[in-house]
Amino acid sequence: MPETERLSIPLFPLQAVLFPGGLLSLKVFEARYLDLISASMRENTPFGVVALRQGSEVRKAGETAVTEPIGTLAELIDVDSAQHGILQVRCRGTRRFEVSAKVQQPDGLWFAETRLLDDDEAVAPSETLIETVRGLANAIATLKQQGAEPFLKPFQFDNAGWVANRWCEILPISVAAKQKLMELPDPQVRLQLVGEFLRTKGVVK
């Protein structure tokens, strides 16, 4: 990867992990993040989503927020301003990045210098993980019957990284565990770990 592949971006810390290819819905009401979304819309630029290790999503006096060093770029899909002072936002996760330096503005918004990380290699799931792939297809069908569609189309069941990422988004595991999985550079290893977890829970054979 070229050393020049760097980006200066605003950060949106959350008690959640955004995966590449993932769908993120946000309810935005703090002034600093309303400004961030407005600028992103106006300039057609992404922002960075990073998971919180410490601190809360809403700014509190005297509280120090500590964020993970690796996050995911988010690009806007649509923005709804039906309520005054509140934006309902949907975003798509794209590239992962690593924060090399960051500075906080007086309004509390963080800006970071980042290095973009490689996308997952597009590889098919190994034969041993076919049940994990089939399990995701079944989970999607079940969620749809319940009126929930948490994933963006097109579905990519032939892509190990895509399957692993979608499982990670809906598994009942900690934010810290999801962060570790998101950071893994090998999509087959990520899917393998997901498959092992699912087998221990009896979700797949």
N, C-alpha and C. Protein backbone atom coordinates (compact mmCIF):
# COMPACT_ATOMS: atom_id res chain seq x y z
N MET A 1 0.85 -1.19 0.00
CA MET A 1 0.00 0.00 0.00
C MET A 1 0.89 1.24 0.00
N PRO A 2 0.58 2.23 -0.86
CA PRO A 2 1.41 3.43 -0.89
C PRO A 2 1.40 4.16 0.44
N GLU A 3 2.56 4.66 0.83
CA GLU A 3 2.69 5.38 2.09
C GLU A 3 1.87 6.66 2.06
N THR A 4 1.54 7.15 0.85
CA THR A 4 0.81 8.41 0.70
C THR A 4 -0.70 8.25 0.91
N GLU A 5 -1.18 7.02 1.12
CA GLU A 5 -2.61 6.80 1.24
C GLU A 5 -3.08 7.20 2.64
N ARG A 6 -3.18 8.49 2.82
CA ARG A 6 -3.55 9.05 4.12
C ARG A 6 -4.74 9.97 3.96
N LEU A 7 -5.42 10.22 5.08
CA LEU A 7 -6.64 11.01 5.03
C LEU A 7 -6.81 11.76 6.34
N SER A 8 -7.21 13.02 6.25
CA SER A 8 -7.54 13.80 7.44
C SER A 8 -9.06 13.85 7.55
N ILE A 9 -9.60 13.32 8.66
CA ILE A 9 -11.05 13.17 8.78
C ILE A 9 -11.55 13.51 10.18
N PRO A 10 -12.82 13.93 10.29
CA PRO A 10 -13.44 14.06 11.61
C PRO A 10 -13.82 12.67 12.12
N LEU A 11 -13.85 12.51 13.43
CA LEU A 11 -14.17 11.21 14.04
C LEU A 11 -15.52 11.25 14.73
N PHE A 12 -16.23 10.13 14.65
CA PHE A 12 -17.51 9.96 15.33
C PHE A 12 -17.35 8.75 16.25
N PRO A 13 -17.01 8.97 17.54
CA PRO A 13 -16.83 7.84 18.47
C PRO A 13 -18.18 7.25 18.88
N LEU A 14 -18.25 5.93 18.89
CA LEU A 14 -19.49 5.23 19.24
C LEU A 14 -19.19 4.04 20.14
N GLN A 15 -20.19 3.61 20.88
CA GLN A 15 -20.08 2.37 21.65
C GLN A 15 -20.52 1.22 20.75
N ALA A 16 -19.91 1.19 19.58
CA ALA A 16 -20.22 0.19 18.56
C ALA A 16 -19.07 0.14 17.58
N VAL A 17 -19.02 -0.93 16.80
CA VAL A 17 -17.98 -1.10 15.78
C VAL A 17 -18.64 -1.11 14.41
N LEU A 18 -18.14 -0.28 13.50
CA LEU A 18 -18.60 -0.27 12.12
C LEU A 18 -17.65 -1.15 11.30
N PHE A 19 -18.23 -2.10 10.56
CA PHE A 19 -17.44 -2.98 9.70
C PHE A 19 -17.53 -2.50 8.25
N PRO A 20 -16.49 -2.75 7.45
CA PRO A 20 -16.59 -2.45 6.03
C PRO A 20 -17.80 -3.17 5.41
N GLY A 21 -18.56 -2.45 4.62
CA GLY A 21 -19.76 -3.01 4.01
C GLY A 21 -20.97 -2.99 4.92
N GLY A 22 -20.79 -2.48 6.14
CA GLY A 22 -21.87 -2.48 7.12
C GLY A 22 -22.80 -1.30 7.00
N LEU A 23 -23.99 -1.45 7.55
CA LEU A 23 -24.99 -0.39 7.59
C LEU A 23 -25.04 0.17 9.00
N LEU A 24 -24.92 1.48 9.10
CA LEU A 24 -24.95 2.15 10.41
C LEU A 24 -26.04 3.21 10.41
N SER A 25 -26.95 3.12 11.39
CA SER A 25 -27.99 4.12 11.56
C SER A 25 -27.66 4.97 12.78
N LEU A 26 -27.75 6.27 12.62
CA LEU A 26 -27.39 7.20 13.70
C LEU A 26 -28.51 8.20 13.93
N LYS A 27 -28.72 8.53 15.21
CA LYS A 27 -29.61 9.63 15.58
C LYS A 27 -28.69 10.74 16.10
N VAL A 28 -28.57 11.80 15.33
CA VAL A 28 -27.58 12.85 15.61
C VAL A 28 -28.28 14.10 16.14
N PHE A 29 -27.82 14.56 17.33
CA PHE A 29 -28.45 15.75 17.91
C PHE A 29 -27.43 16.71 18.53
N GLU A 30 -26.21 16.24 18.82
CA GLU A 30 -25.20 17.15 19.36
C GLU A 30 -24.70 18.08 18.26
N ALA A 31 -24.48 19.36 18.63
CA ALA A 31 -24.11 20.38 17.64
C ALA A 31 -22.87 19.99 16.84
N ARG A 32 -21.86 19.42 17.52
CA ARG A 32 -20.61 19.09 16.82
C ARG A 32 -20.83 18.02 15.76
N TYR A 33 -21.74 17.08 16.02
CA TYR A 33 -21.98 16.02 15.05
C TYR A 33 -23.00 16.43 13.99
N LEU A 34 -23.91 17.35 14.33
CA LEU A 34 -24.78 17.94 13.31
C LEU A 34 -23.92 18.68 12.28
N ASP A 35 -22.89 19.40 12.78
CA ASP A 35 -21.97 20.11 11.88
C ASP A 35 -21.17 19.12 11.04
N LEU A 36 -20.74 18.00 11.67
CA LEU A 36 -19.97 16.98 10.96
C LEU A 36 -20.80 16.42 9.80
N ILE A 37 -22.06 16.05 10.07
CA ILE A 37 -22.92 15.47 9.04
C ILE A 37 -23.20 16.50 7.94
N SER A 38 -23.44 17.74 8.34
CA SER A 38 -23.69 18.80 7.35
C SER A 38 -22.51 18.97 6.41
N ALA A 39 -21.30 18.98 6.99
CA ALA A 39 -20.09 19.13 6.18
C ALA A 39 -19.89 17.93 5.27
N SER A 40 -20.18 16.73 5.79
CA SER A 40 -20.04 15.51 5.00
C SER A 40 -21.01 15.53 3.81
N MET A 41 -22.23 16.01 4.03
CA MET A 41 -23.20 16.13 2.95
C MET A 41 -22.77 17.17 1.92
N ARG A 42 -22.35 18.31 2.42
CA ARG A 42 -22.00 19.44 1.55
C ARG A 42 -20.78 19.13 0.68
N GLU A 43 -19.78 18.48 1.30
CA GLU A 43 -18.52 18.25 0.60
C GLU A 43 -18.40 16.84 0.03
N ASN A 44 -19.43 16.01 0.29
CA ASN A 44 -19.43 14.62 -0.19
C ASN A 44 -18.16 13.89 0.27
N THR A 45 -17.86 14.00 1.55
CA THR A 45 -16.66 13.39 2.12
C THR A 45 -17.05 12.43 3.25
N PRO A 46 -16.22 11.42 3.50
CA PRO A 46 -16.52 10.48 4.57
C PRO A 46 -16.09 11.01 5.93
N PHE A 47 -16.50 10.33 6.98
CA PHE A 47 -15.98 10.60 8.32
C PHE A 47 -15.59 9.25 8.92
N GLY A 48 -14.88 9.30 10.04
CA GLY A 48 -14.39 8.07 10.63
C GLY A 48 -15.19 7.65 11.85
N VAL A 49 -15.59 6.40 11.88
CA VAL A 49 -16.27 5.83 13.05
C VAL A 49 -15.26 5.02 13.84
N VAL A 50 -15.10 5.36 15.11
CA VAL A 50 -14.19 4.64 16.00
C VAL A 50 -14.94 4.20 17.25
N ALA A 51 -14.60 3.03 17.76
CA ALA A 51 -15.25 2.52 18.96
C ALA A 51 -14.63 3.14 20.21
N LEU A 52 -15.46 3.38 21.19
CA LEU A 52 -15.02 3.93 22.47
C LEU A 52 -14.49 2.82 23.38
N ARG A 53 -13.29 3.02 23.89
CA ARG A 53 -12.77 2.14 24.95
C ARG A 53 -13.22 2.64 26.31
N GLN A 54 -13.33 3.96 26.40
CA GLN A 54 -13.69 4.61 27.67
C GLN A 54 -14.44 5.88 27.35
N GLY A 55 -15.43 6.21 28.18
CA GLY A 55 -16.20 7.42 27.97
C GLY A 55 -17.52 7.12 27.28
N SER A 56 -18.34 8.15 27.14
CA SER A 56 -19.67 7.98 26.56
C SER A 56 -19.79 8.72 25.23
N GLU A 57 -20.83 8.38 24.49
CA GLU A 57 -21.04 9.00 23.17
C GLU A 57 -21.43 10.47 23.30
N VAL A 58 -22.18 10.80 24.35
CA VAL A 58 -22.59 12.19 24.58
C VAL A 58 -21.55 12.86 25.48
N ARG A 59 -21.12 14.03 25.08
CA ARG A 59 -20.05 14.73 25.81
C ARG A 59 -20.47 15.10 27.23
N LYS A 60 -19.61 14.78 28.19
CA LYS A 60 -19.86 15.11 29.59
C LYS A 60 -18.67 15.89 30.14
N ALA A 61 -18.96 16.89 30.95
CA ALA A 61 -17.90 17.73 31.51
C ALA A 61 -16.93 16.89 32.34
N GLY A 62 -15.64 17.07 32.07
CA GLY A 62 -14.61 16.40 32.85
C GLY A 62 -14.35 14.97 32.46
N GLU A 63 -15.12 14.44 31.50
CA GLU A 63 -14.94 13.04 31.10
C GLU A 63 -13.96 12.95 29.94
N THR A 64 -13.05 11.99 30.03
CA THR A 64 -12.09 11.76 28.96
C THR A 64 -12.53 10.56 28.13
N ALA A 65 -12.68 10.77 26.84
CA ALA A 65 -13.05 9.68 25.94
C ALA A 65 -11.78 9.07 25.35
N VAL A 66 -11.69 7.76 25.40
CA VAL A 66 -10.57 7.03 24.82
C VAL A 66 -11.12 6.16 23.69
N THR A 67 -10.56 6.31 22.50
CA THR A 67 -11.08 5.58 21.35
C THR A 67 -10.06 4.55 20.84
N GLU A 68 -10.57 3.56 20.11
CA GLU A 68 -9.71 2.56 19.49
C GLU A 68 -8.89 3.21 18.38
N PRO A 69 -7.68 2.68 18.12
CA PRO A 69 -6.81 3.27 17.10
C PRO A 69 -7.19 2.90 15.67
N ILE A 70 -8.04 1.89 15.50
CA ILE A 70 -8.45 1.48 14.16
C ILE A 70 -9.96 1.61 14.04
N GLY A 71 -10.40 2.27 12.98
CA GLY A 71 -11.82 2.47 12.75
C GLY A 71 -12.16 2.24 11.29
N THR A 72 -13.37 2.65 10.91
CA THR A 72 -13.85 2.44 9.55
C THR A 72 -14.46 3.73 9.01
N LEU A 73 -14.13 4.05 7.76
CA LEU A 73 -14.74 5.22 7.13
C LEU A 73 -16.22 4.98 6.91
N ALA A 74 -17.00 6.04 7.06
CA ALA A 74 -18.45 5.97 6.83
C ALA A 74 -18.81 6.98 5.75
N GLU A 75 -19.60 6.52 4.78
CA GLU A 75 -20.13 7.45 3.77
C GLU A 75 -21.64 7.50 3.91
N LEU A 76 -22.19 8.69 3.73
CA LEU A 76 -23.63 8.88 3.91
C LEU A 76 -24.44 8.20 2.82
N ILE A 77 -25.53 7.54 3.23
CA ILE A 77 -26.49 7.00 2.28
C ILE A 77 -27.69 7.94 2.19
N ASP A 78 -28.26 8.27 3.34
CA ASP A 78 -29.35 9.24 3.35
C ASP A 78 -29.45 9.91 4.72
N VAL A 79 -30.03 11.10 4.71
CA VAL A 79 -30.17 11.91 5.93
C VAL A 79 -31.60 12.43 5.98
N ASP A 80 -32.27 12.23 7.13
CA ASP A 80 -33.65 12.67 7.32
C ASP A 80 -33.68 13.69 8.46
N SER A 81 -34.22 14.87 8.17
CA SER A 81 -34.28 15.93 9.19
C SER A 81 -35.72 16.25 9.56
N ALA A 82 -36.55 15.21 9.71
CA ALA A 82 -37.98 15.40 10.00
C ALA A 82 -38.19 16.13 11.33
N GLN A 83 -37.32 15.85 12.33
CA GLN A 83 -37.44 16.52 13.63
C GLN A 83 -36.44 17.66 13.72
N HIS A 84 -36.88 18.78 14.27
CA HIS A 84 -36.01 19.95 14.39
C HIS A 84 -34.84 19.63 15.32
N GLY A 85 -33.62 19.90 14.85
CA GLY A 85 -32.43 19.70 15.67
C GLY A 85 -31.96 18.26 15.77
N ILE A 86 -32.63 17.35 15.05
CA ILE A 86 -32.24 15.93 15.07
C ILE A 86 -32.14 15.42 13.64
N LEU A 87 -31.06 14.72 13.36
CA LEU A 87 -30.90 14.08 12.05
C LEU A 87 -30.90 12.57 12.22
N GLN A 88 -31.69 11.91 11.41
CA GLN A 88 -31.64 10.44 11.32
C GLN A 88 -30.78 10.12 10.09
N VAL A 89 -29.68 9.44 10.35
CA VAL A 89 -28.66 9.25 9.32
C VAL A 89 -28.42 7.76 9.08
N ARG A 90 -28.27 7.38 7.82
CA ARG A 90 -27.82 6.02 7.48
C ARG A 90 -26.52 6.12 6.71
N CYS A 91 -25.55 5.31 7.11
CA CYS A 91 -24.22 5.33 6.51
C CYS A 91 -23.79 3.93 6.12
N ARG A 92 -22.82 3.89 5.21
CA ARG A 92 -22.21 2.63 4.78
C ARG A 92 -20.75 2.62 5.20
N GLY A 93 -20.28 1.53 5.79
CA GLY A 93 -18.87 1.40 6.13
C GLY A 93 -18.06 1.08 4.88
N THR A 94 -16.89 1.71 4.74
CA THR A 94 -16.06 1.45 3.56
C THR A 94 -14.69 0.93 3.97
N ARG A 95 -13.67 1.79 3.97
CA ARG A 95 -12.30 1.36 4.27
C ARG A 95 -11.98 1.45 5.76
N ARG A 96 -11.16 0.53 6.23
CA ARG A 96 -10.61 0.65 7.58
C ARG A 96 -9.44 1.64 7.56
N PHE A 97 -9.20 2.23 8.71
CA PHE A 97 -8.08 3.18 8.82
C PHE A 97 -7.44 3.04 10.20
N GLU A 98 -6.21 3.52 10.28
CA GLU A 98 -5.49 3.57 11.55
C GLU A 98 -5.19 5.03 11.88
N VAL A 99 -5.52 5.45 13.09
CA VAL A 99 -5.28 6.84 13.52
C VAL A 99 -3.80 7.01 13.85
N SER A 100 -3.16 7.98 13.22
CA SER A 100 -1.75 8.25 13.52
C SER A 100 -1.60 9.46 14.44
N ALA A 101 -2.56 10.37 14.40
CA ALA A 101 -2.56 11.53 15.30
C ALA A 101 -3.97 12.13 15.30
N LYS A 102 -4.34 12.75 16.43
CA LYS A 102 -5.66 13.39 16.45
C LYS A 102 -5.61 14.62 17.35
N VAL A 103 -6.52 15.53 17.07
CA VAL A 103 -6.60 16.77 17.85
C VAL A 103 -8.08 17.08 18.07
N GLN A 104 -8.39 17.59 19.27
CA GLN A 104 -9.78 17.90 19.60
C GLN A 104 -10.04 19.40 19.48
N GLN A 105 -11.12 19.73 18.78
CA GLN A 105 -11.51 21.13 18.63
C GLN A 105 -12.20 21.63 19.90
N PRO A 106 -12.34 22.95 20.05
CA PRO A 106 -13.01 23.50 21.24
C PRO A 106 -14.43 22.97 21.44
N ASP A 107 -15.13 22.63 20.35
CA ASP A 107 -16.50 22.11 20.49
C ASP A 107 -16.53 20.62 20.83
N GLY A 108 -15.35 20.01 20.96
CA GLY A 108 -15.27 18.61 21.34
C GLY A 108 -15.09 17.64 20.18
N LEU A 109 -15.22 18.12 18.95
CA LEU A 109 -15.07 17.25 17.79
C LEU A 109 -13.60 16.89 17.57
N TRP A 110 -13.35 15.60 17.35
CA TRP A 110 -12.00 15.13 17.08
C TRP A 110 -11.72 15.11 15.57
N PHE A 111 -10.53 15.57 15.19
CA PHE A 111 -10.03 15.39 13.83
C PHE A 111 -8.80 14.52 13.90
N ALA A 112 -8.68 13.61 12.94
CA ALA A 112 -7.56 12.66 12.98
C ALA A 112 -6.83 12.61 11.65
N GLU A 113 -5.51 12.41 11.77
CA GLU A 113 -4.70 12.05 10.61
C GLU A 113 -4.69 10.53 10.58
N THR A 114 -5.05 9.96 9.46
CA THR A 114 -5.20 8.51 9.39
C THR A 114 -4.43 7.91 8.21
N ARG A 115 -4.14 6.64 8.36
CA ARG A 115 -3.55 5.84 7.27
C ARG A 115 -4.57 4.79 6.88
N LEU A 116 -4.94 4.77 5.62
CA LEU A 116 -5.93 3.81 5.16
C LEU A 116 -5.32 2.41 5.11
N LEU A 117 -6.10 1.42 5.54
CA LEU A 117 -5.66 0.04 5.54
C LEU A 117 -6.23 -0.69 4.33
N ASP A 118 -5.58 -1.79 3.98
CA ASP A 118 -6.02 -2.55 2.82
C ASP A 118 -7.41 -3.13 3.02
N ASP A 119 -8.17 -3.17 1.95
CA ASP A 119 -9.45 -3.90 1.97
C ASP A 119 -9.17 -5.39 2.14
N ASP A 120 -10.17 -6.11 2.65
CA ASP A 120 -10.06 -7.56 2.67
C ASP A 120 -9.85 -8.08 1.26
N GLU A 121 -9.01 -9.09 1.14
CA GLU A 121 -8.89 -9.78 -0.14
C GLU A 121 -10.20 -10.52 -0.40
N ALA A 122 -10.69 -10.44 -1.64
CA ALA A 122 -11.94 -11.10 -1.99
C ALA A 122 -11.69 -12.59 -2.21
N VAL A 123 -11.92 -13.38 -1.18
CA VAL A 123 -11.70 -14.82 -1.27
C VAL A 123 -12.98 -15.56 -0.86
N ALA A 124 -13.20 -16.70 -1.49
CA ALA A 124 -14.38 -17.51 -1.17
C ALA A 124 -14.19 -18.19 0.18
N PRO A 125 -15.27 -18.39 0.94
CA PRO A 125 -15.17 -19.13 2.20
C PRO A 125 -14.66 -20.54 1.94
N SER A 126 -13.84 -21.05 2.83
CA SER A 126 -13.32 -22.41 2.67
C SER A 126 -14.46 -23.42 2.84
N GLU A 127 -14.24 -24.63 2.33
CA GLU A 127 -15.25 -25.68 2.37
C GLU A 127 -15.73 -25.95 3.80
N THR A 128 -14.82 -25.84 4.75
CA THR A 128 -15.18 -26.14 6.15
C THR A 128 -16.13 -25.11 6.75
N LEU A 129 -16.31 -23.98 6.06
CA LEU A 129 -17.13 -22.90 6.62
C LEU A 129 -18.46 -22.72 5.87
N ILE A 130 -18.80 -23.68 5.02
CA ILE A 130 -20.03 -23.57 4.24
C ILE A 130 -21.26 -23.49 5.15
N GLU A 131 -21.25 -24.24 6.28
CA GLU A 131 -22.39 -24.18 7.21
C GLU A 131 -22.52 -22.80 7.84
N THR A 132 -21.39 -22.12 8.04
CA THR A 132 -21.41 -20.76 8.60
C THR A 132 -22.04 -19.80 7.59
N VAL A 133 -21.73 -20.01 6.30
CA VAL A 133 -22.33 -19.19 5.25
C VAL A 133 -23.83 -19.45 5.17
N ARG A 134 -24.20 -20.74 5.19
CA ARG A 134 -25.62 -21.10 5.12
C ARG A 134 -26.37 -20.56 6.34
N GLY A 135 -25.70 -20.57 7.48
CA GLY A 135 -26.32 -20.04 8.69
C GLY A 135 -26.64 -18.57 8.58
N LEU A 136 -25.76 -17.81 7.91
CA LEU A 136 -26.03 -16.38 7.72
C LEU A 136 -27.23 -16.17 6.80
N ALA A 137 -27.30 -16.95 5.74
CA ALA A 137 -28.45 -16.84 4.82
C ALA A 137 -29.75 -17.12 5.58
N ASN A 138 -29.73 -18.12 6.46
CA ASN A 138 -30.92 -18.43 7.27
C ASN A 138 -31.25 -17.30 8.23
N ALA A 139 -30.19 -16.71 8.84
CA ALA A 139 -30.40 -15.59 9.77
C ALA A 139 -31.01 -14.39 9.06
N ILE A 140 -30.55 -14.12 7.84
CA ILE A 140 -31.09 -13.00 7.07
C ILE A 140 -32.57 -13.23 6.76
N ALA A 141 -32.91 -14.47 6.39
CA ALA A 141 -34.31 -14.80 6.09
C ALA A 141 -35.19 -14.63 7.32
N THR A 142 -34.67 -15.06 8.47
CA THR A 142 -35.42 -14.94 9.73
C THR A 142 -35.62 -13.48 10.11
N LEU A 143 -34.57 -12.69 9.99
CA LEU A 143 -34.66 -11.27 10.31
C LEU A 143 -35.65 -10.56 9.39
N LYS A 144 -35.64 -10.93 8.13
CA LYS A 144 -36.57 -10.31 7.19
C LYS A 144 -38.01 -10.62 7.56
N GLN A 145 -38.26 -11.86 7.99
CA GLN A 145 -39.62 -12.24 8.43
C GLN A 145 -40.06 -11.41 9.63
N GLN A 146 -39.08 -10.99 10.44
CA GLN A 146 -39.37 -10.19 11.64
C GLN A 146 -39.42 -8.70 11.32
N GLY A 147 -39.25 -8.37 10.05
CA GLY A 147 -39.32 -6.97 9.63
C GLY A 147 -38.02 -6.21 9.75
N ALA A 148 -36.92 -6.93 9.96
CA ALA A 148 -35.61 -6.28 10.09
C ALA A 148 -34.72 -6.63 8.89
N GLU A 149 -34.10 -5.61 8.32
CA GLU A 149 -33.15 -5.82 7.23
C GLU A 149 -31.88 -5.03 7.54
N PRO A 150 -30.98 -5.62 8.36
CA PRO A 150 -29.82 -4.87 8.84
C PRO A 150 -28.65 -4.80 7.87
N PHE A 151 -28.74 -5.46 6.72
CA PHE A 151 -27.61 -5.52 5.80
C PHE A 151 -27.93 -4.87 4.46
N LEU A 152 -26.91 -4.24 3.89
CA LEU A 152 -27.04 -3.62 2.58
C LEU A 152 -26.87 -4.67 1.48
N LYS A 153 -27.61 -4.52 0.42
CA LYS A 153 -27.43 -5.38 -0.75
C LYS A 153 -26.40 -4.74 -1.68
N PRO A 154 -25.76 -5.53 -2.55
CA PRO A 154 -25.99 -6.95 -2.80
C PRO A 154 -25.32 -7.83 -1.72
N PHE A 155 -25.95 -8.95 -1.43
CA PHE A 155 -25.36 -9.92 -0.52
C PHE A 155 -24.21 -10.64 -1.24
N GLN A 156 -23.17 -10.95 -0.48
CA GLN A 156 -21.97 -11.54 -1.08
C GLN A 156 -21.58 -12.82 -0.32
N PHE A 157 -22.38 -13.85 -0.49
CA PHE A 157 -22.13 -15.09 0.23
C PHE A 157 -20.87 -15.82 -0.25
N ASP A 158 -20.34 -15.40 -1.40
CA ASP A 158 -19.11 -16.00 -1.93
C ASP A 158 -17.86 -15.24 -1.49
N ASN A 159 -18.03 -14.31 -0.55
CA ASN A 159 -16.93 -13.47 -0.08
C ASN A 159 -16.76 -13.69 1.44
N ALA A 160 -15.64 -14.32 1.83
CA ALA A 160 -15.42 -14.68 3.24
C ALA A 160 -15.48 -13.46 4.16
N GLY A 161 -14.85 -12.35 3.73
CA GLY A 161 -14.84 -11.15 4.55
C GLY A 161 -16.22 -10.58 4.76
N TRP A 162 -17.03 -10.57 3.69
CA TRP A 162 -18.39 -10.03 3.80
C TRP A 162 -19.21 -10.88 4.76
N VAL A 163 -19.13 -12.19 4.62
CA VAL A 163 -19.90 -13.09 5.49
C VAL A 163 -19.47 -12.92 6.95
N ALA A 164 -18.15 -12.87 7.17
CA ALA A 164 -17.64 -12.70 8.54
C ALA A 164 -18.12 -11.38 9.15
N ASN A 165 -18.04 -10.31 8.36
CA ASN A 165 -18.43 -8.99 8.87
C ASN A 165 -19.90 -8.92 9.23
N ARG A 166 -20.75 -9.54 8.39
CA ARG A 166 -22.18 -9.50 8.67
C ARG A 166 -22.51 -10.31 9.93
N TRP A 167 -21.87 -11.45 10.10
CA TRP A 167 -22.07 -12.21 11.33
C TRP A 167 -21.64 -11.39 12.55
N CYS A 168 -20.46 -10.76 12.44
CA CYS A 168 -19.93 -9.99 13.57
C CYS A 168 -20.90 -8.89 14.01
N GLU A 169 -21.61 -8.31 13.05
CA GLU A 169 -22.53 -7.23 13.37
C GLU A 169 -23.72 -7.69 14.21
N ILE A 170 -24.14 -8.95 14.05
CA ILE A 170 -25.35 -9.40 14.76
C ILE A 170 -25.06 -10.36 15.90
N LEU A 171 -23.81 -10.77 16.07
CA LEU A 171 -23.49 -11.68 17.17
C LEU A 171 -23.58 -10.97 18.52
N PRO A 172 -24.05 -11.67 19.55
CA PRO A 172 -24.12 -11.08 20.90
C PRO A 172 -22.78 -11.15 21.61
N ILE A 173 -21.81 -10.40 21.09
CA ILE A 173 -20.47 -10.35 21.68
C ILE A 173 -20.13 -8.91 22.02
N SER A 174 -19.10 -8.72 22.83
CA SER A 174 -18.75 -7.38 23.31
C SER A 174 -18.21 -6.50 22.20
N VAL A 175 -18.27 -5.20 22.43
CA VAL A 175 -17.68 -4.24 21.48
C VAL A 175 -16.18 -4.52 21.32
N ALA A 176 -15.51 -4.86 22.42
CA ALA A 176 -14.07 -5.15 22.36
C ALA A 176 -13.79 -6.35 21.47
N ALA A 177 -14.64 -7.39 21.56
CA ALA A 177 -14.46 -8.57 20.72
C ALA A 177 -14.71 -8.24 19.26
N LYS A 178 -15.75 -7.45 19.00
CA LYS A 178 -16.04 -7.05 17.62
C LYS A 178 -14.88 -6.22 17.04
N GLN A 179 -14.30 -5.37 17.87
CA GLN A 179 -13.17 -4.56 17.43
C GLN A 179 -12.00 -5.45 17.00
N LYS A 180 -11.68 -6.44 17.82
CA LYS A 180 -10.57 -7.35 17.50
C LYS A 180 -10.82 -8.08 16.19
N LEU A 181 -12.06 -8.52 15.98
CA LEU A 181 -12.40 -9.21 14.74
C LEU A 181 -12.30 -8.27 13.54
N MET A 182 -12.79 -7.04 13.69
CA MET A 182 -12.73 -6.07 12.59
C MET A 182 -11.29 -5.79 12.18
N GLU A 183 -10.39 -5.77 13.17
CA GLU A 183 -8.99 -5.43 12.90
C GLU A 183 -8.23 -6.53 12.18
N LEU A 184 -8.71 -7.77 12.26
CA LEU A 184 -7.98 -8.89 11.66
C LEU A 184 -7.80 -8.68 10.16
N PRO A 185 -6.56 -8.78 9.65
CA PRO A 185 -6.32 -8.53 8.23
C PRO A 185 -6.71 -9.69 7.32
N ASP A 186 -6.88 -10.90 7.88
CA ASP A 186 -7.18 -12.08 7.06
C ASP A 186 -8.67 -12.43 7.20
N PRO A 187 -9.46 -12.27 6.12
CA PRO A 187 -10.90 -12.53 6.23
C PRO A 187 -11.23 -13.99 6.53
N GLN A 188 -10.39 -14.92 6.06
CA GLN A 188 -10.65 -16.33 6.35
C GLN A 188 -10.49 -16.63 7.84
N VAL A 189 -9.49 -16.01 8.46
CA VAL A 189 -9.29 -16.19 9.90
C VAL A 189 -10.47 -15.60 10.67
N ARG A 190 -10.93 -14.44 10.24
CA ARG A 190 -12.09 -13.80 10.90
C ARG A 190 -13.31 -14.70 10.80
N LEU A 191 -13.54 -15.27 9.61
CA LEU A 191 -14.70 -16.14 9.42
C LEU A 191 -14.54 -17.44 10.21
N GLN A 192 -13.31 -17.93 10.29
CA GLN A 192 -13.04 -19.15 11.05
C GLN A 192 -13.40 -18.95 12.52
N LEU A 193 -13.00 -17.81 13.09
CA LEU A 193 -13.31 -17.52 14.49
C LEU A 193 -14.81 -17.39 14.71
N VAL A 194 -15.48 -16.76 13.76
CA VAL A 194 -16.94 -16.64 13.84
C VAL A 194 -17.58 -18.02 13.81
N GLY A 195 -17.09 -18.88 12.90
CA GLY A 195 -17.64 -20.23 12.78
C GLY A 195 -17.46 -21.03 14.06
N GLU A 196 -16.29 -20.88 14.68
CA GLU A 196 -16.04 -21.60 15.95
C GLU A 196 -16.99 -21.13 17.04
N PHE A 197 -17.22 -19.83 17.10
CA PHE A 197 -18.15 -19.28 18.09
C PHE A 197 -19.56 -19.83 17.85
N LEU A 198 -19.99 -19.84 16.60
CA LEU A 198 -21.33 -20.32 16.27
C LEU A 198 -21.50 -21.80 16.61
N ARG A 199 -20.44 -22.58 16.41
CA ARG A 199 -20.52 -24.01 16.74
C ARG A 199 -20.65 -24.22 18.25
N THR A 200 -19.93 -23.41 19.03
CA THR A 200 -20.03 -23.55 20.49
C THR A 200 -21.43 -23.20 20.99
N LYS A 201 -22.13 -22.36 20.24
CA LYS A 201 -23.48 -21.97 20.62
C LYS A 201 -24.54 -22.86 19.99
N GLY A 202 -24.10 -23.80 19.17
CA GLY A 202 -25.05 -24.72 18.52
C GLY A 202 -25.83 -24.10 17.38
N VAL A 203 -25.35 -22.96 16.88
CA VAL A 203 -26.05 -22.27 15.77
C VAL A 203 -25.78 -23.00 14.45
N VAL A 204 -24.55 -23.47 14.27
CA VAL A 204 -24.19 -24.25 13.09
C VAL A 204 -23.52 -25.54 13.54
N LYS A 205 -23.49 -26.52 12.64
CA LYS A 205 -22.87 -27.80 12.97
C LYS A 205 -21.39 -27.80 12.62
